[in-house]
C-alpha cells in the first residue's frame, strides 16, 4: 500500500504544542493521528494518539534534549515508521502575527521567517513560541517544506473605521493598526456554519472564541468586518492571564507612579492579569466555576459582562445581529458561561434553551429567541492542513509550468 501524502500541522501554545498529521490527497484533509509535545514537566513528553484516542507512541526527553529538537526528531521518525518513508510533504505552522503583508498562507524561507521574527513586539507572548519549531525543523530537516498560516489573515480585509486607532496617521503607515487574531479558528467556524446552516451563512453573525485566549469576530457574508483584538493579542475580552481592553492611563500610572519598568508592565498584562489577576486563584475557568471563593465569582462575572458588552459592540458594527456562535475551550464546554452571556443579551432577543445548553447541542436557542445561537467546536489544525494542501498544489503547478 503506497504511503499517504501527508502534512504535519503544529499549533504552538505557551507550554505545549498540539499537532495533527493529515492526509492531503483527498478532497479535504483527513486526520491520521494527533498528539502533543508537552513541556510542563521536568522531562518534556511526546504523546501520539489515534483518531479514536488510543495511545500510539509516547516518549520523554531531558529538557536539554527537547530544546535541541530531539522530540521533533522523534515525531518525524514515528511518522515515517508508521506511515512510510517520504509520506511527509510539509509541516504547517500556526503563526499568530502575519503583520500587514500576509493575507494568506506562505511557504517559509529564511527571509520570510526573519520578517515574522521582526513582528515579535506585536505578539511577544506568542510569536517566539510559534517560530521556535520552524527553526528547529529547519535544522534537522532543511529540505522539508514548511508553511506559515496566520491568525491575522482572516481579518486582513478589515477596513476603516474598524481597522483604525485614534492616533496620528503616521503611525498607521508604520503598521500600527488593528489586525485581529484567532483567524484560523474563525475561518473554520465560518465555513462549518455555512455547511450545517446554509441559511445563516450570509447573516449578521458574531463568533465568540472563548478560551484562555478570547476574542470575538463580526461576520458579514462570511467575512470578518470587526474583531475585539487589535494590534496585539492583548486587547479585547478578559482572558486567562491577559487583561483585555484597559484604559491606557492605567499603563502610564503604573510606569510613572508605581515605577514599573516596561518589562514589568508587559509581564503584568500578559501573565498576571485576566481571570488569574481578578480571582487571585487561577486562570482556568473550570477551577473558578468550581470554587466558592467570592473572588472566583467576581472573575467569572467580569468575564461574562465584558463578553456580552463586546457582542453588543459587534452588533453595532453589523447593524444588528442574527446569529451568535460559541467556540473555543470555554465556549464549547462551559454551559454556565454561555448561559450567563445569553442572559446579559436578553435585551437583544437572545433566549437560550437550558436543556440544550447543558447538553452543548449544536443549536442552543429556544423557539422564542430572535437570534440563532449555536455551539460549533473549532478545528484550527484542519484549517492549517487545508491551507498547506492549497500551497503544495500551487507549488506543484508552478513546478510543472517551469518544467514545461
Foldseek 3Di string as FASTA:
>chain_A
DAFAQWEKEWEFDLFKIKIFIWRQPDPATDTAKIWMFGRPDQWTKTWIAGPVGHTDDIDTHGPVVVLLLVVVVVVVVVCCVVRHPPNYQAYEFEAADPFLPDLFKDWDDPVSLVVLVVLCVLEVSGRVRRCSVVVNCCVVPVVHIYMYGYQQNLQSPADPPQFADPDDPVVVVVRQTFRGGNNLQLLQVLVVCCVVPVVCNQFFEKEWAAALQTKIFTDHNSGGHHMQGTSHSQAAAQHLQAAHDDDVVVVVCCCPPVVDDPVRVVCNRRHCDGLCVQLVPGSHLVVLVPDPDPSSVVRLVRRLVRVLVVVVVSCVVVVAHAEYEFEHPCSQQPLVSVVSNQVVCVVSQFAFASVCSNVSAQWGGDPRGSHTYGYDYTDSNSSSRVSVSVVVVVVVVVVVVVVD
